[in-house]
Amino acid sequence: MTIILKTNMPQLNRMLLILFFSIGIRLVNAQSVNMYISTNGKDSNNGLSVSAPLSTLQEAFLRISLRKEKLPVNILLSGGVYHLKQPVRVLPEYSGTAQAPVTIRPLGDEQVTFDGSLQIRGWKKYKGTIWYTTIPEVKKGSLRFGQLFINGQSRTLARFPNDGFYTVAGFPDGGTEVDFNTGSKRFKFRRGDIDPHWTNMEDVRVVVYHFWSDAHLQIDKVDVNDSIVTFKYPAEKRFTDDFSGDGARYFVENVFEGLDKPGEWYLNDHTGVLYYIPMMGEDLATSTVVVPVLSGFLSFDGDAIKSRYVNNIHFSNITFKYANFIYRSEEHTSELQ
């Protein structure tokens, strides 16, 4: 007898797929379960063979959470680059056990990369050696990034000075006479090191190296008469070079006027325009230009209070590439060790 079921209801189709999966998973292997993922796969596939792979790791985790038997699970990824739009959530119900772990690894000797970048295209000549393109996500305010990669190599955010550092010239909020961890919002600079007439001062960041951390500071105002810069939020320590009485080292980055040598870039956060000076022999029409956009690749979401842990999940021989990390100095001083 043959039963033909026709339906246009996606929910029912998914329920049937899950039912097929929960039955099929018992038939794959008495010793372990293999699931397959491919860049050309579909999450509507059953994922139990190379010929019917899934497309996302998130869907694979969902499927293994439905398993009845606690068998070892191998999630096998075909070679290629997997572009993630959001971190993969790893929940306690996806956990394996010591005897039946969950392993995520490439299929055979293939190369697998999880990529968190956005490719940048549409370059046009601006003036001189400078090129530009507009990134809609930046203009809308949904994206900020702090790194640019061309053909896999990192490029330099436009800065002053081009090499080395400036040094703090004075301590209006206190030097060696105050505790080292005294919050400081101002320092004195040498004339010409900071210019209040730079383009779009809100985009400029002052990076100060003091003690064992670095502070990334957004400028509030510049007093050219007394050569004092005031920041929107204080650094967590005084602006001395560690415990000495000398001024801390610093540089100023994302300055449009500092865009003056090949390999440097500048981003206007308000217009979404990215500017870049190509390196010698670099053709932006044929180069792969990317910026990191994903804040993380994996999110392990357990609950320690309820003793719900993520256990016995192993990742092997997978490359994670282009994660976005920016300093949120518009919310508070970003000071990291």
C-alpha atoms as a PDB file:
ATOM      1  CA  MET A   1       0.000   0.000   0.000  1.00  0.00           C
ATOM      2  CA  THR A   2       1.279   3.451  -0.901  1.00  0.00           C
ATOM      3  CA  ILE A   3       0.214   6.531   1.006  1.00  0.00           C
ATOM      4  CA  ILE A   4       0.656   9.872  -0.749  1.00  0.00           C
ATOM      5  CA  LEU A   5       0.496  12.934   1.484  1.00  0.00           C
ATOM      6  CA  LYS A   6       0.204  16.347  -0.124  1.00  0.00           C
ATOM      7  CA  THR A   7       0.406  19.462   1.984  1.00  0.00           C
ATOM      8  CA  ASN A   8       1.439  23.078   1.718  1.00  0.00           C
ATOM      9  CA  MET A   9       1.786  23.489   5.443  1.00  0.00           C
ATOM     10  CA  PRO A  10       5.491  24.129   6.309  1.00  0.00           C
ATOM     11  CA  GLN A  11       4.944  23.238   9.947  1.00  0.00           C
ATOM     12  CA  LEU A  12       3.549  19.813   9.108  1.00  0.00           C
ATOM     13  CA  ASN A  13       6.367  19.222   6.640  1.00  0.00           C
ATOM     14  CA  ARG A  14       8.900  20.015   9.354  1.00  0.00           C
ATOM     15  CA  MET A  15       7.160  17.669  11.804  1.00  0.00           C
ATOM     16  CA  LEU A  16       7.342  14.877   9.227  1.00  0.00           C
ATOM     17  CA  LEU A  17      11.024  15.606   8.623  1.00  0.00           C
ATOM     18  CA  ILE A  18      11.740  15.452  12.349  1.00  0.00           C
ATOM     19  CA  LEU A  19       9.808  12.189  12.588  1.00  0.00           C
ATOM     20  CA  PHE A  20      11.828  10.779   9.694  1.00  0.00           C
ATOM     21  CA  PHE A  21      15.025  11.950  11.338  1.00  0.00           C
ATOM     22  CA  SER A  22      14.172  10.448  14.742  1.00  0.00           C
ATOM     23  CA  ILE A  23      13.423   7.122  13.043  1.00  0.00           C
ATOM     24  CA  GLY A  24      16.352   7.297  10.623  1.00  0.00           C
ATOM     25  CA  ILE A  25      18.891   8.150  13.285  1.00  0.00           C
ATOM     26  CA  ARG A  26      18.455   4.663  14.717  1.00  0.00           C
ATOM     27  CA  LEU A  27      19.262   3.122  11.360  1.00  0.00           C
ATOM     28  CA  VAL A  28      22.467   4.935  10.463  1.00  0.00           C
ATOM     29  CA  ASN A  29      24.950   3.204  12.683  1.00  0.00           C
ATOM     30  CA  ALA A  30      24.618   1.075  15.744  1.00  0.00           C
ATOM     31  CA  GLN A  31      27.842   2.508  17.170  1.00  0.00           C
ATOM     32  CA  SER A  32      27.564   6.214  16.298  1.00  0.00           C
ATOM     33  CA  VAL A  33      25.534   8.726  14.373  1.00  0.00           C
ATOM     34  CA  ASN A  34      26.936  10.752  11.478  1.00  0.00           C
ATOM     35  CA  MET A  35      25.364  13.982  10.339  1.00  0.00           C
ATOM     36  CA  TYR A  36      26.527  15.901   7.281  1.00  0.00           C
ATOM     37  CA  ILE A  37      26.715  19.603   6.488  1.00  0.00           C
ATOM     38  CA  SER A  38      27.715  21.271   3.236  1.00  0.00           C
ATOM     39  CA  THR A  39      27.875  24.813   1.878  1.00  0.00           C
ATOM     40  CA  ASN A  40      25.509  23.506  -0.822  1.00  0.00           C
ATOM     41  CA  GLY A  41      23.221  21.727   1.632  1.00  0.00           C
ATOM     42  CA  LYS A  42      19.659  22.499   2.701  1.00  0.00           C
ATOM     43  CA  ASP A  43      18.220  22.486   6.189  1.00  0.00           C
ATOM     44  CA  SER A  44      15.178  20.738   4.741  1.00  0.00           C
ATOM     45  CA  ASN A  45      17.351  17.661   4.025  1.00  0.00           C
ATOM     46  CA  ASN A  46      17.606  14.846   6.553  1.00  0.00           C
ATOM     47  CA  GLY A  47      21.370  15.397   6.976  1.00  0.00           C
ATOM     48  CA  LEU A  48      22.081  11.683   7.363  1.00  0.00           C
ATOM     49  CA  SER A  49      24.124  11.222   4.194  1.00  0.00           C
ATOM     50  CA  VAL A  50      26.667  13.043   2.076  1.00  0.00           C
ATOM     51  CA  SER A  51      24.057  13.264  -0.686  1.00  0.00           C
ATOM     52  CA  ALA A  52      21.487  15.007   1.560  1.00  0.00           C
ATOM     53  CA  PRO A  53      23.456  17.361   3.819  1.00  0.00           C
ATOM     54  CA  LEU A  54      22.194  20.168   5.974  1.00  0.00           C
ATOM     55  CA  SER A  55      23.434  23.723   5.421  1.00  0.00           C
ATOM     56  CA  THR A  56      23.918  24.986   8.986  1.00  0.00           C
ATOM     57  CA  LEU A  57      25.461  23.781  12.211  1.00  0.00           C
ATOM     58  CA  GLN A  58      22.543  25.287  14.122  1.00  0.00           C
ATOM     59  CA  GLU A  59      20.117  22.925  12.418  1.00  0.00           C
ATOM     60  CA  ALA A  60      22.404  19.969  13.092  1.00  0.00           C
ATOM     61  CA  PHE A  61      22.411  20.783  16.804  1.00  0.00           C
ATOM     62  CA  LEU A  62      18.632  20.992  16.783  1.00  0.00           C
ATOM     63  CA  ARG A  63      18.390  17.565  15.188  1.00  0.00           C
ATOM     64  CA  ILE A  64      20.732  15.841  17.631  1.00  0.00           C
ATOM     65  CA  SER A  65      18.744  17.254  20.558  1.00  0.00           C
ATOM     66  CA  LEU A  66      15.867  15.055  19.341  1.00  0.00           C
ATOM     67  CA  ARG A  67      17.840  11.821  19.531  1.00  0.00           C
ATOM     68  CA  LYS A  68      16.591   9.132  21.880  1.00  0.00           C
ATOM     69  CA  GLU A  69      19.714   7.022  22.253  1.00  0.00           C
ATOM     70  CA  LYS A  70      22.890   8.531  23.663  1.00  0.00           C
ATOM     71  CA  LEU A  71      25.241   7.448  20.896  1.00  0.00           C
ATOM     72  CA  PRO A  72      28.373   9.332  19.870  1.00  0.00           C
ATOM     73  CA  VAL A  73      27.506  11.947  17.243  1.00  0.00           C
ATOM     74  CA  ASN A  74      29.846  13.108  14.484  1.00  0.00           C
ATOM     75  CA  ILE A  75      28.831  16.287  12.688  1.00  0.00           C
ATOM     76  CA  LEU A  76      30.887  16.204   9.497  1.00  0.00           C
ATOM     77  CA  LEU A  77      31.368  19.342   7.431  1.00  0.00           C
ATOM     78  CA  SER A  78      32.299  19.254   3.760  1.00  0.00           C
ATOM     79  CA  GLY A  79      35.183  21.509   2.838  1.00  0.00           C
ATOM     80  CA  GLY A  80      34.492  25.162   2.189  1.00  0.00           C
ATOM     81  CA  VAL A  81      33.827  28.525   3.775  1.00  0.00           C
ATOM     82  CA  TYR A  82      30.700  28.802   5.924  1.00  0.00           C
ATOM     83  CA  HIS A  83      29.580  32.424   6.184  1.00  0.00           C
ATOM     84  CA  LEU A  84      27.807  32.903   9.510  1.00  0.00           C
ATOM     85  CA  LYS A  85      25.206  35.643   9.917  1.00  0.00           C
ATOM     86  CA  GLN A  86      24.903  35.099  13.666  1.00  0.00           C
ATOM     87  CA  PRO A  87      26.677  33.057  16.346  1.00  0.00           C
ATOM     88  CA  VAL A  88      25.716  29.403  16.604  1.00  0.00           C
ATOM     89  CA  ARG A  89      23.893  28.832  19.897  1.00  0.00           C
ATOM     90  CA  VAL A  90      25.062  25.759  21.785  1.00  0.00           C
ATOM     91  CA  LEU A  91      22.530  24.737  24.438  1.00  0.00           C
ATOM     92  CA  PRO A  92      22.683  22.170  27.264  1.00  0.00           C
ATOM     93  CA  GLU A  93      20.276  19.872  25.415  1.00  0.00           C
ATOM     94  CA  TYR A  94      22.845  19.538  22.633  1.00  0.00           C
ATOM     95  CA  SER A  95      25.394  18.047  25.030  1.00  0.00           C
ATOM     96  CA  GLY A  96      26.985  14.678  24.677  1.00  0.00           C
ATOM     97  CA  THR A  97      28.382  12.504  27.429  1.00  0.00           C
ATOM     98  CA  ALA A  98      31.858  11.241  28.227  1.00  0.00           C
ATOM     99  CA  GLN A  99      30.966   7.934  26.554  1.00  0.00           C
ATOM    100  CA  ALA A 100      28.955   9.497  23.728  1.00  0.00           C
ATOM    101  CA  PRO A 101      30.436  12.909  22.871  1.00  0.00           C
ATOM    102  CA  VAL A 102      29.338  15.237  20.088  1.00  0.00           C
ATOM    103  CA  THR A 103      32.204  15.997  17.696  1.00  0.00           C
ATOM    104  CA  ILE A 104      32.166  18.652  15.003  1.00  0.00           C
ATOM    105  CA  ARG A 105      34.928  18.217  12.450  1.00  0.00           C
ATOM    106  CA  PRO A 106      35.690  18.297   8.711  1.00  0.00           C
ATOM    107  CA  LEU A 107      34.766  15.412   6.456  1.00  0.00           C
ATOM    108  CA  GLY A 108      38.021  13.578   5.818  1.00  0.00           C
ATOM    109  CA  ASP A 109      40.973  15.905   5.257  1.00  0.00           C
ATOM    110  CA  GLU A 110      38.941  18.784   3.854  1.00  0.00           C
ATOM    111  CA  GLN A 111      39.498  22.388   4.966  1.00  0.00           C
ATOM    112  CA  VAL A 112      36.598  24.020   6.815  1.00  0.00           C
ATOM    113  CA  THR A 113      36.362  27.699   7.761  1.00  0.00           C
ATOM    114  CA  PHE A 114      33.687  29.550   9.716  1.00  0.00           C
ATOM    115  CA  ASP A 115      33.763  33.130   8.413  1.00  0.00           C
ATOM    116  CA  GLY A 116      32.274  36.165  10.166  1.00  0.00           C
ATOM    117  CA  SER A 117      33.049  38.785   7.527  1.00  0.00           C
ATOM    118  CA  LEU A 118      31.241  40.993   5.057  1.00  0.00           C
ATOM    119  CA  GLN A 119      32.767  41.429   1.604  1.00  0.00           C
ATOM    120  CA  ILE A 120      33.151  45.046   0.488  1.00  0.00           C
ATOM    121  CA  ARG A 121      32.670  45.951  -3.165  1.00  0.00           C
ATOM    122  CA  GLY A 122      31.846  48.955  -5.333  1.00  0.00           C
ATOM    123  CA  TRP A 123      35.117  50.876  -5.064  1.00  0.00           C
ATOM    124  CA  LYS A 124      35.433  54.227  -6.860  1.00  0.00           C
ATOM    125  CA  LYS A 125      38.265  56.732  -7.248  1.00  0.00           C
ATOM    126  CA  TYR A 126      38.050  59.599  -4.771  1.00  0.00           C
ATOM    127  CA  LYS A 127      41.064  61.836  -5.280  1.00  0.00           C
ATOM    128  CA  GLY A 128      44.771  61.268  -5.677  1.00  0.00           C
ATOM    129  CA  THR A 129      45.520  57.716  -4.566  1.00  0.00           C
ATOM    130  CA  ILE A 130      42.434  57.432  -2.339  1.00  0.00           C
ATOM    131  CA  TRP A 131      39.519  55.152  -3.236  1.00  0.00           C
ATOM    132  CA  TYR A 132      36.132  54.930  -1.505  1.00  0.00           C
ATOM    133  CA  THR A 133      32.950  52.897  -1.227  1.00  0.00           C
ATOM    134  CA  THR A 134      29.752  53.231   0.796  1.00  0.00           C
ATOM    135  CA  ILE A 135      28.675  50.528   3.263  1.00  0.00           C
ATOM    136  CA  PRO A 136      24.874  50.786   3.794  1.00  0.00           C
ATOM    137  CA  GLU A 137      24.962  48.919   7.114  1.00  0.00           C
ATOM    138  CA  VAL A 138      27.357  51.502   8.566  1.00  0.00           C
ATOM    139  CA  LYS A 139      25.282  54.389   7.275  1.00  0.00           C
ATOM    140  CA  LYS A 140      22.158  52.886   8.889  1.00  0.00           C
ATOM    141  CA  GLY A 141      24.020  52.491  12.182  1.00  0.00           C
ATOM    142  CA  SER A 142      23.705  48.707  12.307  1.00  0.00           C
ATOM    143  CA  LEU A 143      27.417  47.998  11.804  1.00  0.00           C
ATOM    144  CA  ARG A 144      30.691  49.207  13.218  1.00  0.00           C
ATOM    145  CA  PHE A 145      34.036  47.553  12.672  1.00  0.00           C
ATOM    146  CA  GLY A 146      37.628  48.144  13.607  1.00  0.00           C
ATOM    147  CA  GLN A 147      39.553  46.031  11.103  1.00  0.00           C
ATOM    148  CA  LEU A 148      39.923  45.795   7.339  1.00  0.00           C
ATOM    149  CA  PHE A 149      41.437  42.829   5.478  1.00  0.00           C
ATOM    150  CA  ILE A 150      42.520  42.738   1.839  1.00  0.00           C
ATOM    151  CA  ASN A 151      43.408  39.359   0.358  1.00  0.00           C
ATOM    152  CA  GLY A 152      43.675  38.011   3.895  1.00  0.00           C
ATOM    153  CA  GLN A 153      46.065  40.683   5.169  1.00  0.00           C
ATOM    154  CA  SER A 154      45.196  43.272   7.818  1.00  0.00           C
ATOM    155  CA  ARG A 155      45.404  46.944   6.871  1.00  0.00           C
ATOM    156  CA  THR A 156      46.155  49.966   9.091  1.00  0.00           C
ATOM    157  CA  LEU A 157      43.519  52.359  10.395  1.00  0.00           C
ATOM    158  CA  ALA A 158      44.665  55.910   9.544  1.00  0.00           C
ATOM    159  CA  ARG A 159      46.499  57.387  12.524  1.00  0.00           C
ATOM    160  CA  PHE A 160      48.865  59.966  13.932  1.00  0.00           C
ATOM    161  CA  PRO A 161      51.740  59.445  14.210  1.00  0.00           C
ATOM    162  CA  ASN A 162      52.208  56.955  11.371  1.00  0.00           C
ATOM    163  CA  ASP A 163      54.820  55.121  13.434  1.00  0.00           C
ATOM    164  CA  GLY A 164      55.549  55.078  17.136  1.00  0.00           C
ATOM    165  CA  PHE A 165      53.699  57.156  19.699  1.00  0.00           C
ATOM    166  CA  TYR A 166      53.064  60.585  21.117  1.00  0.00           C
ATOM    167  CA  THR A 167      53.494  61.045  24.873  1.00  0.00           C
ATOM    168  CA  VAL A 168      51.232  62.767  27.368  1.00  0.00           C
ATOM    169  CA  ALA A 169      52.668  66.174  28.291  1.00  0.00           C
ATOM    170  CA  GLY A 170      50.814  66.889  31.538  1.00  0.00           C
ATOM    171  CA  PHE A 171      48.266  65.593  34.053  1.00  0.00           C
ATOM    172  CA  PRO A 172      45.462  68.040  34.935  1.00  0.00           C
ATOM    173  CA  ASP A 173      43.620  65.207  36.709  1.00  0.00           C
ATOM    174  CA  GLY A 174      46.697  64.173  38.689  1.00  0.00           C
ATOM    175  CA  GLY A 175      50.044  62.464  38.131  1.00  0.00           C
ATOM    176  CA  THR A 176      52.217  60.660  40.665  1.00  0.00           C
ATOM    177  CA  GLU A 177      50.551  62.544  43.536  1.00  0.00           C
ATOM    178  CA  VAL A 178      47.349  60.498  43.060  1.00  0.00           C
ATOM    179  CA  ASP A 179      46.737  56.746  43.168  1.00  0.00           C
ATOM    180  CA  PHE A 180      47.545  54.951  39.932  1.00  0.00           C
ATOM    181  CA  ASN A 181      43.923  53.822  39.531  1.00  0.00           C
ATOM    182  CA  THR A 182      42.507  57.336  39.745  1.00  0.00           C
ATOM    183  CA  GLY A 183      40.003  57.880  36.951  1.00  0.00           C
ATOM    184  CA  SER A 184      41.300  60.496  34.527  1.00  0.00           C
ATOM    185  CA  LYS A 185      39.349  62.369  31.883  1.00  0.00           C
ATOM    186  CA  ARG A 186      41.942  64.892  30.640  1.00  0.00           C
ATOM    187  CA  PHE A 187      45.565  65.197  29.696  1.00  0.00           C
ATOM    188  CA  LYS A 188      47.857  67.837  28.297  1.00  0.00           C
ATOM    189  CA  PHE A 189      49.245  67.276  24.792  1.00  0.00           C
ATOM    190  CA  ARG A 190      52.058  68.858  22.844  1.00  0.00           C
ATOM    191  CA  ARG A 191      50.970  71.497  20.373  1.00  0.00           C
ATOM    192  CA  GLY A 192      50.037  69.975  17.032  1.00  0.00           C
ATOM    193  CA  ASP A 193      49.591  66.421  18.287  1.00  0.00           C
ATOM    194  CA  ILE A 194      45.797  66.785  18.468  1.00  0.00           C
ATOM    195  CA  ASP A 195      43.854  69.127  16.159  1.00  0.00           C
ATOM    196  CA  PRO A 196      40.258  70.157  16.962  1.00  0.00           C
ATOM    197  CA  HIS A 197      39.669  70.824  13.256  1.00  0.00           C
ATOM    198  CA  TRP A 198      40.073  67.217  12.167  1.00  0.00           C
ATOM    199  CA  THR A 199      37.183  65.851  10.108  1.00  0.00           C
ATOM    200  CA  ASN A 200      34.383  64.299  12.123  1.00  0.00           C
ATOM    201  CA  MET A 201      35.976  64.420  15.577  1.00  0.00           C
ATOM    202  CA  GLU A 202      33.359  61.995  16.923  1.00  0.00           C
ATOM    203  CA  ASP A 203      34.968  59.236  14.846  1.00  0.00           C
ATOM    204  CA  VAL A 204      38.456  59.890  16.249  1.00  0.00           C
ATOM    205  CA  ARG A 205      39.795  57.664  19.018  1.00  0.00           C
ATOM    206  CA  VAL A 206      42.775  58.295  21.297  1.00  0.00           C
ATOM    207  CA  VAL A 207      44.484  55.052  22.329  1.00  0.00           C
ATOM    208  CA  VAL A 208      46.525  55.394  25.532  1.00  0.00           C
ATOM    209  CA  TYR A 209      48.930  52.716  26.816  1.00  0.00           C
ATOM    210  CA  HIS A 210      49.350  53.038  30.559  1.00  0.00           C
ATOM    211  CA  PHE A 211      50.241  50.486  33.188  1.00  0.00           C
ATOM    212  CA  TRP A 212      49.104  47.039  31.979  1.00  0.00           C
ATOM    213  CA  SER A 213      46.120  48.182  29.932  1.00  0.00           C
ATOM    214  CA  ASP A 214      45.109  50.395  27.040  1.00  0.00           C
ATOM    215  CA  ALA A 215      42.279  52.922  27.012  1.00  0.00           C
ATOM    216  CA  HIS A 216      40.338  53.758  23.842  1.00  0.00           C
ATOM    217  CA  LEU A 217      38.903  57.214  24.336  1.00  0.00           C
ATOM    218  CA  GLN A 218      36.404  59.346  22.452  1.00  0.00           C
ATOM    219  CA  ILE A 219      37.196  63.059  22.407  1.00  0.00           C
ATOM    220  CA  ASP A 220      34.712  65.471  23.974  1.00  0.00           C
ATOM    221  CA  LYS A 221      36.574  68.753  23.454  1.00  0.00           C
ATOM    222  CA  VAL A 222      40.002  70.184  22.751  1.00  0.00           C
ATOM    223  CA  ASP A 223      41.344  73.318  24.453  1.00  0.00           C
ATOM    224  CA  VAL A 224      43.931  74.645  22.006  1.00  0.00           C
ATOM    225  CA  ASN A 225      44.977  77.492  24.301  1.00  0.00           C
ATOM    226  CA  ASP A 226      46.049  75.215  27.156  1.00  0.00           C
ATOM    227  CA  SER A 227      46.642  72.153  24.923  1.00  0.00           C
ATOM    228  CA  ILE A 228      44.284  69.977  26.979  1.00  0.00           C
ATOM    229  CA  VAL A 229      42.077  67.249  25.544  1.00  0.00           C
ATOM    230  CA  THR A 230      38.964  66.170  27.461  1.00  0.00           C
ATOM    231  CA  PHE A 231      37.316  62.806  26.841  1.00  0.00           C
ATOM    232  CA  LYS A 232      33.645  61.865  27.010  1.00  0.00           C
ATOM    233  CA  TYR A 233      34.366  59.140  29.545  1.00  0.00           C
ATOM    234  CA  PRO A 234      37.296  58.771  31.941  1.00  0.00           C
ATOM    235  CA  ALA A 235      40.086  56.248  31.693  1.00  0.00           C
ATOM    236  CA  GLU A 236      40.367  53.972  34.719  1.00  0.00           C
ATOM    237  CA  LYS A 237      43.921  55.033  35.558  1.00  0.00           C
ATOM    238  CA  ARG A 238      46.056  58.159  35.574  1.00  0.00           C
ATOM    239  CA  PHE A 239      47.874  59.081  32.364  1.00  0.00           C
ATOM    240  CA  THR A 240      51.429  58.359  33.511  1.00  0.00           C
ATOM    241  CA  ASP A 241      53.826  55.865  31.978  1.00  0.00           C
ATOM    242  CA  ASP A 242      53.169  53.166  34.542  1.00  0.00           C
ATOM    243  CA  PHE A 243      54.440  54.213  37.987  1.00  0.00           C
ATOM    244  CA  SER A 244      56.907  56.778  36.688  1.00  0.00           C
ATOM    245  CA  GLY A 245      56.287  60.498  36.401  1.00  0.00           C
ATOM    246  CA  ASP A 246      56.617  60.425  32.616  1.00  0.00           C
ATOM    247  CA  GLY A 247      53.635  60.775  30.328  1.00  0.00           C
ATOM    248  CA  ALA A 248      51.963  57.675  28.915  1.00  0.00           C
ATOM    249  CA  ARG A 249      52.352  56.718  25.270  1.00  0.00           C
ATOM    250  CA  TYR A 250      49.396  57.266  22.955  1.00  0.00           C
ATOM    251  CA  PHE A 251      48.350  57.572  19.328  1.00  0.00           C
ATOM    252  CA  VAL A 252      45.252  58.929  17.588  1.00  0.00           C
ATOM    253  CA  GLU A 253      43.385  56.732  15.105  1.00  0.00           C
ATOM    254  CA  ASN A 254      40.570  56.898  12.553  1.00  0.00           C
ATOM    255  CA  VAL A 255      41.655  60.383  11.521  1.00  0.00           C
ATOM    256  CA  PHE A 256      40.758  61.287   7.947  1.00  0.00           C
ATOM    257  CA  GLU A 257      43.673  63.710   7.747  1.00  0.00           C
ATOM    258  CA  GLY A 258      45.944  60.832   8.763  1.00  0.00           C
ATOM    259  CA  LEU A 259      45.047  58.899   5.604  1.00  0.00           C
ATOM    260  CA  ASP A 260      48.383  59.555   3.907  1.00  0.00           C
ATOM    261  CA  LYS A 261      50.151  56.293   3.001  1.00  0.00           C
ATOM    262  CA  PRO A 262      49.392  53.050   1.128  1.00  0.00           C
ATOM    263  CA  GLY A 263      47.643  50.391   3.169  1.00  0.00           C
ATOM    264  CA  GLU A 264      45.734  52.871   5.383  1.00  0.00           C
ATOM    265  CA  TRP A 265      41.968  53.216   5.663  1.00  0.00           C
ATOM    266  CA  TYR A 266      39.434  55.516   7.297  1.00  0.00           C
ATOM    267  CA  LEU A 267      35.731  54.989   8.064  1.00  0.00           C
ATOM    268  CA  ASN A 268      33.181  57.791   8.360  1.00  0.00           C
ATOM    269  CA  ASP A 269      30.641  56.335  10.777  1.00  0.00           C
ATOM    270  CA  HIS A 270      28.020  58.936   9.843  1.00  0.00           C
ATOM    271  CA  THR A 271      28.023  58.623   6.057  1.00  0.00           C
ATOM    272  CA  GLY A 272      29.097  54.977   5.923  1.00  0.00           C
ATOM    273  CA  VAL A 273      31.898  55.846   3.505  1.00  0.00           C
ATOM    274  CA  LEU A 274      35.071  53.751   3.694  1.00  0.00           C
ATOM    275  CA  TYR A 275      38.262  55.289   2.288  1.00  0.00           C
ATOM    276  CA  TYR A 276      41.410  53.353   1.417  1.00  0.00           C
ATOM    277  CA  ILE A 277      44.802  53.893  -0.221  1.00  0.00           C
ATOM    278  CA  PRO A 278      45.806  50.714  -2.097  1.00  0.00           C
ATOM    279  CA  MET A 279      49.207  49.137  -1.695  1.00  0.00           C
ATOM    280  CA  MET A 280      51.560  49.012  -4.683  1.00  0.00           C
ATOM    281  CA  GLY A 281      50.112  46.669  -7.319  1.00  0.00           C
ATOM    282  CA  GLU A 282      46.831  46.197  -5.436  1.00  0.00           C
ATOM    283  CA  ASP A 283      43.724  46.235  -7.648  1.00  0.00           C
ATOM    284  CA  LEU A 284      40.510  46.710  -5.662  1.00  0.00           C
ATOM    285  CA  ALA A 285      38.461  45.394  -8.589  1.00  0.00           C
ATOM    286  CA  THR A 286      40.047  41.962  -8.243  1.00  0.00           C
ATOM    287  CA  SER A 287      41.056  41.954  -4.562  1.00  0.00           C
ATOM    288  CA  THR A 288      38.972  40.339  -1.828  1.00  0.00           C
ATOM    289  CA  VAL A 289      38.147  43.078   0.664  1.00  0.00           C
ATOM    290  CA  VAL A 290      36.356  42.084   3.870  1.00  0.00           C
ATOM    291  CA  VAL A 291      35.496  43.548   7.252  1.00  0.00           C
ATOM    292  CA  PRO A 292      34.603  41.475  10.337  1.00  0.00           C
ATOM    293  CA  VAL A 293      30.958  41.841  11.313  1.00  0.00           C
ATOM    294  CA  LEU A 294      30.171  38.868  13.561  1.00  0.00           C
ATOM    295  CA  SER A 295      30.917  39.460  17.249  1.00  0.00           C
ATOM    296  CA  GLY A 296      31.431  35.750  17.927  1.00  0.00           C
ATOM    297  CA  PHE A 297      31.116  32.358  16.279  1.00  0.00           C
ATOM    298  CA  LEU A 298      29.737  30.230  19.107  1.00  0.00           C
ATOM    299  CA  SER A 299      27.520  31.072  22.068  1.00  0.00           C
ATOM    300  CA  PHE A 300      27.547  28.443  24.821  1.00  0.00           C
ATOM    301  CA  ASP A 301      24.302  29.187  26.631  1.00  0.00           C
ATOM    302  CA  GLY A 302      24.172  27.162  29.809  1.00  0.00           C
ATOM    303  CA  ASP A 303      22.731  28.119  33.171  1.00  0.00           C
ATOM    304  CA  ALA A 304      25.078  27.627  36.141  1.00  0.00           C
ATOM    305  CA  ILE A 305      22.402  28.557  38.691  1.00  0.00           C
ATOM    306  CA  LYS A 306      20.126  25.802  37.437  1.00  0.00           C
ATOM    307  CA  SER A 307      23.078  23.438  36.887  1.00  0.00           C
ATOM    308  CA  ARG A 308      22.362  23.228  33.171  1.00  0.00           C
ATOM    309  CA  TYR A 309      25.760  22.873  31.552  1.00  0.00           C
ATOM    310  CA  VAL A 310      27.045  22.403  28.034  1.00  0.00           C
ATOM    311  CA  ASN A 311      29.210  19.285  28.159  1.00  0.00           C
ATOM    312  CA  ASN A 312      31.219  16.971  25.900  1.00  0.00           C
ATOM    313  CA  ILE A 313      30.989  18.920  22.664  1.00  0.00           C
ATOM    314  CA  HIS A 314      34.268  18.910  20.726  1.00  0.00           C
ATOM    315  CA  PHE A 315      35.379  21.044  17.785  1.00  0.00           C
ATOM    316  CA  SER A 316      38.285  19.709  15.757  1.00  0.00           C
ATOM    317  CA  ASN A 317      40.354  21.099  12.843  1.00  0.00           C
ATOM    318  CA  ILE A 318      38.008  24.006  12.066  1.00  0.00           C
ATOM    319  CA  THR A 319      39.269  27.504  11.282  1.00  0.00           C
ATOM    320  CA  PHE A 320      37.388  30.478  12.736  1.00  0.00           C
ATOM    321  CA  LYS A 321      38.104  33.641  10.776  1.00  0.00           C
ATOM    322  CA  TYR A 322      37.171  37.336  10.953  1.00  0.00           C
ATOM    323  CA  ALA A 323      35.419  38.063  14.236  1.00  0.00           C
ATOM    324  CA  ASN A 324      34.460  41.679  14.904  1.00  0.00           C
ATOM    325  CA  PHE A 325      35.805  43.281  18.072  1.00  0.00           C
ATOM    326  CA  ILE A 326      35.295  46.971  18.719  1.00  0.00           C
ATOM    327  CA  TYR A 327      35.689  49.171  21.776  1.00  0.00           C
ATOM    328  CA  ARG A 328      32.350  50.522  22.924  1.00  0.00           C
ATOM    329  CA  SER A 329      33.676  53.872  24.051  1.00  0.00           C
ATOM    330  CA  GLU A 330      30.353  55.556  23.342  1.00  0.00           C
ATOM    331  CA  GLU A 331      28.969  53.668  26.348  1.00  0.00           C
ATOM    332  CA  HIS A 332      31.949  53.721  28.680  1.00  0.00           C
ATOM    333  CA  THR A 333      35.709  53.847  28.599  1.00  0.00           C
ATOM    334  CA  SER A 334      37.038  50.684  27.017  1.00  0.00           C
ATOM    335  CA  GLU A 335      40.122  49.693  28.944  1.00  0.00           C
ATOM    336  CA  LEU A 336      41.510  46.222  28.484  1.00  0.00           C
ATOM    337  CA  GLN A 337      44.514  44.329  29.757  1.00  0.00           C
END
